[in-house]
Amino acid sequence: MPKVKMARKSTLVDMTAMCDVAFLLLTFFMLATKFKPDEPVTVVTPSSINTKLLPDSDVIMLTIDEKGRVFFSMDGQPKRQKLIEDLNTQYKLGLDQHEMNNFIIGSSIGTDIKNLKAYLALKTAERKKSGLENGIPTDSANNEVAVWIEYARSAQGSNPKLQYCIKADNATPYPKIKDVLDTFKKKGIQKLNLVTNLEAPPPGTAAALARAQGGEKKEEEK
């Protein structure tokens, strides 16, 4: 008895559901993604041969421009919220919700505490023209950098991953950097990270030899 041959049919895969998912994901990322706010100043950092990368989170950063102005920044919106709420309560700044939100989602702060309310009421582009962006005071009579560090540490809680970074311009006056370093020292913070640009180590040095050996090992692994 002959076998009955089944007719072959082409397999049709309905991709409608897949397309819907792809567009939903695309829409989600377009609406949910937040770009990093622009920094208020441009800093040309000095070069070094250190290859350690700056972490993306758990960082308290002090930026010092070529004029010696000091700017404070810290990542993490919940932590920034606690920081600004504590400062608002302690110094009776009278910040409204809009001004506090400007701090929470903003970037660096570069003004004294007494002008913080007026500073946060302005848009980022307006702050440069306002005359309020004179940097955080570091002098011994009014060292507000110490205040920002203290309240930032409190907002971070007992975070074992917390790192402190100083990003100074190549032309920043050294006395201003020393003032910031002394402030960290008075707060008992001994481990700091200086943000620099990467440069090649001088030929013939131990650093150059170590980097060359590291490159050879990577080639062998490939």
C-alpha atoms as a PDB file:
ATOM      1  CA  MET A   1       0.000   0.000   0.000  1.00  0.00           C
ATOM      2  CA  PRO A   2       1.600   3.291  -1.039  1.00  0.00           C
ATOM      3  CA  LYS A   3       2.403   5.897   1.633  1.00  0.00           C
ATOM      4  CA  VAL A   4       0.415   9.068   1.642  1.00  0.00           C
ATOM      5  CA  LYS A   5       2.683  12.073   1.210  1.00  0.00           C
ATOM      6  CA  MET A   6       1.699  15.117   3.183  1.00  0.00           C
ATOM      7  CA  ALA A   7       1.884  18.354   1.275  1.00  0.00           C
ATOM      8  CA  ARG A   8       4.619  20.654   2.567  1.00  0.00           C
ATOM      9  CA  LYS A   9       3.492  24.047   3.695  1.00  0.00           C
ATOM     10  CA  SER A  10       5.690  27.047   4.222  1.00  0.00           C
ATOM     11  CA  THR A  11       6.141  28.128   7.842  1.00  0.00           C
ATOM     12  CA  LEU A  12       4.800  31.597   8.494  1.00  0.00           C
ATOM     13  CA  VAL A  13       6.017  33.403  11.590  1.00  0.00           C
ATOM     14  CA  ASP A  14       3.913  36.339  12.638  1.00  0.00           C
ATOM     15  CA  MET A  15       6.342  39.122  13.630  1.00  0.00           C
ATOM     16  CA  THR A  16       3.653  41.612  14.605  1.00  0.00           C
ATOM     17  CA  ALA A  17       4.049  40.959  18.321  1.00  0.00           C
ATOM     18  CA  MET A  18       7.855  41.264  18.081  1.00  0.00           C
ATOM     19  CA  CYS A  19       7.574  44.620  16.292  1.00  0.00           C
ATOM     20  CA  ASP A  20       5.173  45.874  18.961  1.00  0.00           C
ATOM     21  CA  VAL A  21       7.596  44.912  21.721  1.00  0.00           C
ATOM     22  CA  ALA A  22      10.507  46.573  19.928  1.00  0.00           C
ATOM     23  CA  PHE A  23       8.626  49.852  19.510  1.00  0.00           C
ATOM     24  CA  LEU A  24       7.419  49.747  23.114  1.00  0.00           C
ATOM     25  CA  LEU A  25      11.002  49.341  24.344  1.00  0.00           C
ATOM     26  CA  LEU A  26      12.198  52.139  22.058  1.00  0.00           C
ATOM     27  CA  THR A  27       9.453  54.458  23.307  1.00  0.00           C
ATOM     28  CA  PHE A  28      10.257  53.600  26.929  1.00  0.00           C
ATOM     29  CA  PHE A  29      13.945  54.442  26.582  1.00  0.00           C
ATOM     30  CA  MET A  30      13.174  57.652  24.693  1.00  0.00           C
ATOM     31  CA  LEU A  31      10.846  58.854  27.446  1.00  0.00           C
ATOM     32  CA  ALA A  32      12.723  57.520  30.475  1.00  0.00           C
ATOM     33  CA  THR A  33      16.303  58.398  29.550  1.00  0.00           C
ATOM     34  CA  LYS A  34      17.707  61.487  31.254  1.00  0.00           C
ATOM     35  CA  PHE A  35      20.807  63.155  29.912  1.00  0.00           C
ATOM     36  CA  LYS A  36      23.534  64.234  32.286  1.00  0.00           C
ATOM     37  CA  PRO A  37      23.274  67.983  32.984  1.00  0.00           C
ATOM     38  CA  ASP A  38      25.950  70.201  31.506  1.00  0.00           C
ATOM     39  CA  GLU A  39      28.732  71.209  33.852  1.00  0.00           C
ATOM     40  CA  PRO A  40      28.853  74.935  34.670  1.00  0.00           C
ATOM     41  CA  VAL A  41      32.559  75.266  33.860  1.00  0.00           C
ATOM     42  CA  THR A  42      35.021  73.669  31.471  1.00  0.00           C
ATOM     43  CA  VAL A  43      38.079  72.272  33.211  1.00  0.00           C
ATOM     44  CA  VAL A  44      41.286  71.237  31.433  1.00  0.00           C
ATOM     45  CA  THR A  45      42.763  68.674  33.788  1.00  0.00           C
ATOM     46  CA  PRO A  46      46.508  67.948  33.986  1.00  0.00           C
ATOM     47  CA  SER A  47      47.910  64.728  32.530  1.00  0.00           C
ATOM     48  CA  SER A  48      49.206  61.680  34.371  1.00  0.00           C
ATOM     49  CA  ILE A  49      50.040  58.043  33.679  1.00  0.00           C
ATOM     50  CA  ASN A  50      47.478  56.727  36.170  1.00  0.00           C
ATOM     51  CA  THR A  51      45.056  54.335  34.422  1.00  0.00           C
ATOM     52  CA  LYS A  52      42.440  54.136  37.198  1.00  0.00           C
ATOM     53  CA  LEU A  53      39.013  55.050  35.832  1.00  0.00           C
ATOM     54  CA  LEU A  54      36.680  57.493  37.536  1.00  0.00           C
ATOM     55  CA  PRO A  55      33.657  55.597  38.943  1.00  0.00           C
ATOM     56  CA  ASP A  56      30.195  56.383  37.573  1.00  0.00           C
ATOM     57  CA  SER A  57      28.483  56.463  40.971  1.00  0.00           C
ATOM     58  CA  ASP A  58      29.092  56.926  44.704  1.00  0.00           C
ATOM     59  CA  VAL A  59      31.258  59.983  44.101  1.00  0.00           C
ATOM     60  CA  ILE A  60      31.518  63.362  45.812  1.00  0.00           C
ATOM     61  CA  MET A  61      33.246  65.683  43.364  1.00  0.00           C
ATOM     62  CA  LEU A  62      34.791  69.108  43.904  1.00  0.00           C
ATOM     63  CA  THR A  63      35.620  70.914  40.665  1.00  0.00           C
ATOM     64  CA  ILE A  64      37.998  73.891  40.687  1.00  0.00           C
ATOM     65  CA  ASP A  65      38.262  76.043  37.571  1.00  0.00           C
ATOM     66  CA  GLU A  66      41.209  78.142  36.416  1.00  0.00           C
ATOM     67  CA  LYS A  67      39.904  81.149  38.380  1.00  0.00           C
ATOM     68  CA  GLY A  68      39.882  79.155  41.611  1.00  0.00           C
ATOM     69  CA  ARG A  69      36.102  78.860  41.842  1.00  0.00           C
ATOM     70  CA  VAL A  70      34.960  75.700  43.622  1.00  0.00           C
ATOM     71  CA  PHE A  71      31.893  73.706  42.493  1.00  0.00           C
ATOM     72  CA  PHE A  72      30.270  70.817  44.361  1.00  0.00           C
ATOM     73  CA  SER A  73      28.529  67.820  42.805  1.00  0.00           C
ATOM     74  CA  MET A  74      27.261  64.439  43.977  1.00  0.00           C
ATOM     75  CA  ASP A  75      25.430  61.653  42.125  1.00  0.00           C
ATOM     76  CA  GLY A  76      22.218  59.953  43.179  1.00  0.00           C
ATOM     77  CA  GLN A  77      18.938  61.882  43.208  1.00  0.00           C
ATOM     78  CA  PRO A  78      17.618  60.407  46.507  1.00  0.00           C
ATOM     79  CA  LYS A  79      20.888  61.368  48.210  1.00  0.00           C
ATOM     80  CA  ARG A  80      20.832  64.832  46.661  1.00  0.00           C
ATOM     81  CA  GLN A  81      17.272  65.224  47.924  1.00  0.00           C
ATOM     82  CA  LYS A  82      18.298  64.419  51.488  1.00  0.00           C
ATOM     83  CA  LEU A  83      21.272  66.771  51.202  1.00  0.00           C
ATOM     84  CA  ILE A  84      19.245  69.777  50.055  1.00  0.00           C
ATOM     85  CA  GLU A  85      16.470  69.075  52.582  1.00  0.00           C
ATOM     86  CA  ASP A  86      19.008  69.026  55.430  1.00  0.00           C
ATOM     87  CA  LEU A  87      20.640  72.258  54.241  1.00  0.00           C
ATOM     88  CA  ASN A  88      17.237  73.905  53.807  1.00  0.00           C
ATOM     89  CA  THR A  89      16.247  72.989  57.359  1.00  0.00           C
ATOM     90  CA  GLN A  90      19.557  73.855  59.006  1.00  0.00           C
ATOM     91  CA  TYR A  91      20.112  77.219  57.294  1.00  0.00           C
ATOM     92  CA  LYS A  92      16.407  78.166  56.946  1.00  0.00           C
ATOM     93  CA  LEU A  93      16.813  78.834  53.215  1.00  0.00           C
ATOM     94  CA  GLY A  94      13.089  78.782  52.476  1.00  0.00           C
ATOM     95  CA  LEU A  95      13.463  76.700  49.321  1.00  0.00           C
ATOM     96  CA  ASP A  96      10.258  75.785  47.511  1.00  0.00           C
ATOM     97  CA  GLN A  97       9.715  72.460  45.747  1.00  0.00           C
ATOM     98  CA  HIS A  98      10.722  73.826  42.340  1.00  0.00           C
ATOM     99  CA  GLU A  99      14.056  75.112  43.660  1.00  0.00           C
ATOM    100  CA  MET A 100      14.736  71.852  45.470  1.00  0.00           C
ATOM    101  CA  ASN A 101      13.946  69.883  42.305  1.00  0.00           C
ATOM    102  CA  ASN A 102      16.428  72.050  40.401  1.00  0.00           C
ATOM    103  CA  PHE A 103      19.094  70.887  42.814  1.00  0.00           C
ATOM    104  CA  ILE A 104      18.018  67.241  42.823  1.00  0.00           C
ATOM    105  CA  ILE A 105      18.132  66.845  39.032  1.00  0.00           C
ATOM    106  CA  GLY A 106      20.859  69.444  38.422  1.00  0.00           C
ATOM    107  CA  SER A 107      24.624  69.241  38.174  1.00  0.00           C
ATOM    108  CA  SER A 108      27.214  71.227  40.098  1.00  0.00           C
ATOM    109  CA  ILE A 109      26.620  74.021  42.595  1.00  0.00           C
ATOM    110  CA  GLY A 110      28.991  76.981  42.692  1.00  0.00           C
ATOM    111  CA  THR A 111      27.697  79.679  45.034  1.00  0.00           C
ATOM    112  CA  ASP A 112      27.608  80.491  48.731  1.00  0.00           C
ATOM    113  CA  ILE A 113      24.792  79.183  50.903  1.00  0.00           C
ATOM    114  CA  LYS A 114      23.174  82.583  51.499  1.00  0.00           C
ATOM    115  CA  ASN A 115      22.574  82.947  47.741  1.00  0.00           C
ATOM    116  CA  LEU A 116      21.559  79.321  47.188  1.00  0.00           C
ATOM    117  CA  LYS A 117      17.822  80.059  46.957  1.00  0.00           C
ATOM    118  CA  ALA A 118      18.280  82.723  44.270  1.00  0.00           C
ATOM    119  CA  TYR A 119      20.813  80.493  42.506  1.00  0.00           C
ATOM    120  CA  LEU A 120      18.474  77.489  42.339  1.00  0.00           C
ATOM    121  CA  ALA A 121      15.577  79.625  41.148  1.00  0.00           C
ATOM    122  CA  LEU A 122      17.490  80.350  37.925  1.00  0.00           C
ATOM    123  CA  LYS A 123      17.890  78.126  34.904  1.00  0.00           C
ATOM    124  CA  THR A 124      21.346  76.694  34.252  1.00  0.00           C
ATOM    125  CA  ALA A 125      22.019  79.082  31.364  1.00  0.00           C
ATOM    126  CA  GLU A 126      20.960  82.075  33.470  1.00  0.00           C
ATOM    127  CA  ARG A 127      23.272  81.312  36.395  1.00  0.00           C
ATOM    128  CA  LYS A 128      26.401  82.261  34.491  1.00  0.00           C
ATOM    129  CA  LYS A 129      24.998  85.721  33.769  1.00  0.00           C
ATOM    130  CA  SER A 130      23.575  86.293  37.250  1.00  0.00           C
ATOM    131  CA  GLY A 131      26.870  87.004  39.003  1.00  0.00           C
ATOM    132  CA  LEU A 132      26.001  84.454  41.690  1.00  0.00           C
ATOM    133  CA  GLU A 133      28.302  81.754  40.351  1.00  0.00           C
ATOM    134  CA  ASN A 134      31.389  82.879  42.256  1.00  0.00           C
ATOM    135  CA  GLY A 135      32.225  79.454  43.643  1.00  0.00           C
ATOM    136  CA  ILE A 136      31.829  77.968  47.118  1.00  0.00           C
ATOM    137  CA  PRO A 137      33.860  79.924  49.729  1.00  0.00           C
ATOM    138  CA  THR A 138      36.954  78.162  51.079  1.00  0.00           C
ATOM    139  CA  ASP A 139      38.498  80.820  53.308  1.00  0.00           C
ATOM    140  CA  SER A 140      39.040  80.061  56.980  1.00  0.00           C
ATOM    141  CA  ALA A 141      36.425  82.606  58.110  1.00  0.00           C
ATOM    142  CA  ASN A 142      33.710  81.055  55.935  1.00  0.00           C
ATOM    143  CA  ASN A 143      34.707  77.614  54.727  1.00  0.00           C
ATOM    144  CA  GLU A 144      31.469  76.394  53.158  1.00  0.00           C
ATOM    145  CA  VAL A 145      33.250  73.585  51.317  1.00  0.00           C
ATOM    146  CA  ALA A 146      33.476  71.884  54.710  1.00  0.00           C
ATOM    147  CA  VAL A 147      29.712  72.315  55.122  1.00  0.00           C
ATOM    148  CA  TRP A 148      28.950  70.690  51.765  1.00  0.00           C
ATOM    149  CA  ILE A 149      31.284  67.782  52.518  1.00  0.00           C
ATOM    150  CA  GLU A 150      29.760  67.238  55.956  1.00  0.00           C
ATOM    151  CA  TYR A 151      26.154  67.239  54.739  1.00  0.00           C
ATOM    152  CA  ALA A 152      27.036  65.149  51.673  1.00  0.00           C
ATOM    153  CA  ARG A 153      28.614  62.490  53.879  1.00  0.00           C
ATOM    154  CA  SER A 154      25.493  62.489  56.039  1.00  0.00           C
ATOM    155  CA  ALA A 155      23.286  62.060  52.963  1.00  0.00           C
ATOM    156  CA  GLN A 156      25.434  59.158  51.781  1.00  0.00           C
ATOM    157  CA  GLY A 157      25.037  57.316  55.074  1.00  0.00           C
ATOM    158  CA  SER A 158      27.492  54.502  55.721  1.00  0.00           C
ATOM    159  CA  ASN A 159      28.332  53.961  52.071  1.00  0.00           C
ATOM    160  CA  PRO A 160      31.516  51.819  51.828  1.00  0.00           C
ATOM    161  CA  LYS A 161      31.879  52.592  48.104  1.00  0.00           C
ATOM    162  CA  LEU A 162      31.920  56.374  48.542  1.00  0.00           C
ATOM    163  CA  GLN A 163      34.895  58.110  46.909  1.00  0.00           C
ATOM    164  CA  TYR A 164      36.056  61.726  47.023  1.00  0.00           C
ATOM    165  CA  CYS A 165      37.400  63.337  43.870  1.00  0.00           C
ATOM    166  CA  ILE A 166      39.012  66.670  43.063  1.00  0.00           C
ATOM    167  CA  LYS A 167      38.897  67.863  39.473  1.00  0.00           C
ATOM    168  CA  ALA A 168      41.104  70.927  39.102  1.00  0.00           C
ATOM    169  CA  ASP A 169      42.066  72.873  36.019  1.00  0.00           C
ATOM    170  CA  ASN A 170      45.671  72.756  34.880  1.00  0.00           C
ATOM    171  CA  ALA A 171      45.881  76.513  35.521  1.00  0.00           C
ATOM    172  CA  THR A 172      44.183  76.529  38.940  1.00  0.00           C
ATOM    173  CA  PRO A 173      46.233  78.461  41.549  1.00  0.00           C
ATOM    174  CA  TYR A 174      47.805  75.948  43.922  1.00  0.00           C
ATOM    175  CA  PRO A 175      46.794  77.830  47.119  1.00  0.00           C
ATOM    176  CA  LYS A 176      43.151  77.242  46.196  1.00  0.00           C
ATOM    177  CA  ILE A 177      43.774  73.504  45.745  1.00  0.00           C
ATOM    178  CA  LYS A 178      45.635  73.463  49.065  1.00  0.00           C
ATOM    179  CA  ASP A 179      42.637  75.045  50.798  1.00  0.00           C
ATOM    180  CA  VAL A 180      40.413  72.233  49.502  1.00  0.00           C
ATOM    181  CA  LEU A 181      42.940  69.552  50.478  1.00  0.00           C
ATOM    182  CA  ASP A 182      43.240  71.040  53.969  1.00  0.00           C
ATOM    183  CA  THR A 183      39.456  70.960  54.297  1.00  0.00           C
ATOM    184  CA  PHE A 184      39.379  67.237  53.527  1.00  0.00           C
ATOM    185  CA  LYS A 185      42.212  66.698  55.986  1.00  0.00           C
ATOM    186  CA  LYS A 186      40.326  68.510  58.768  1.00  0.00           C
ATOM    187  CA  LYS A 187      37.340  66.281  58.072  1.00  0.00           C
ATOM    188  CA  GLY A 188      39.519  63.214  58.534  1.00  0.00           C
ATOM    189  CA  ILE A 189      39.352  62.239  54.867  1.00  0.00           C
ATOM    190  CA  GLN A 190      42.777  61.045  53.799  1.00  0.00           C
ATOM    191  CA  LYS A 191      42.016  59.104  50.619  1.00  0.00           C
ATOM    192  CA  LEU A 192      41.317  61.361  47.644  1.00  0.00           C
ATOM    193  CA  ASN A 193      41.254  60.901  43.881  1.00  0.00           C
ATOM    194  CA  LEU A 194      42.647  63.571  41.563  1.00  0.00           C
ATOM    195  CA  VAL A 195      41.001  63.572  38.134  1.00  0.00           C
ATOM    196  CA  THR A 196      43.557  63.745  35.307  1.00  0.00           C
ATOM    197  CA  ASN A 197      43.955  63.005  31.612  1.00  0.00           C
ATOM    198  CA  LEU A 198      45.789  59.855  30.614  1.00  0.00           C
ATOM    199  CA  GLU A 199      49.205  60.232  29.005  1.00  0.00           C
ATOM    200  CA  ALA A 200      51.797  57.705  27.890  1.00  0.00           C
ATOM    201  CA  PRO A 201      54.487  56.939  30.501  1.00  0.00           C
ATOM    202  CA  PRO A 202      58.042  58.059  29.649  1.00  0.00           C
ATOM    203  CA  PRO A 203      59.926  55.381  27.668  1.00  0.00           C
ATOM    204  CA  GLY A 204      62.247  53.243  29.737  1.00  0.00           C
ATOM    205  CA  THR A 205      60.446  53.807  33.038  1.00  0.00           C
ATOM    206  CA  ALA A 206      58.954  51.099  35.219  1.00  0.00           C
ATOM    207  CA  ALA A 207      55.463  52.342  34.373  1.00  0.00           C
ATOM    208  CA  ALA A 208      56.139  52.037  30.632  1.00  0.00           C
ATOM    209  CA  LEU A 209      57.516  48.515  31.100  1.00  0.00           C
ATOM    210  CA  ALA A 210      54.520  47.456  33.193  1.00  0.00           C
ATOM    211  CA  ARG A 211      52.076  48.822  30.631  1.00  0.00           C
ATOM    212  CA  ALA A 212      53.928  47.074  27.802  1.00  0.00           C
ATOM    213  CA  GLN A 213      53.851  43.769  29.654  1.00  0.00           C
ATOM    214  CA  GLY A 214      50.142  44.220  30.302  1.00  0.00           C
ATOM    215  CA  GLY A 215      49.563  44.729  26.587  1.00  0.00           C
ATOM    216  CA  GLU A 216      51.544  41.602  25.724  1.00  0.00           C
ATOM    217  CA  LYS A 217      49.464  39.538  28.151  1.00  0.00           C
ATOM    218  CA  LYS A 218      46.237  40.749  26.536  1.00  0.00           C
ATOM    219  CA  GLU A 219      47.561  39.752  23.102  1.00  0.00           C
ATOM    220  CA  GLU A 220      48.430  36.271  24.401  1.00  0.00           C
ATOM    221  CA  GLU A 221      44.930  35.879  25.849  1.00  0.00           C
ATOM    222  CA  LYS A 222      43.417  36.641  22.450  1.00  0.00           C
END
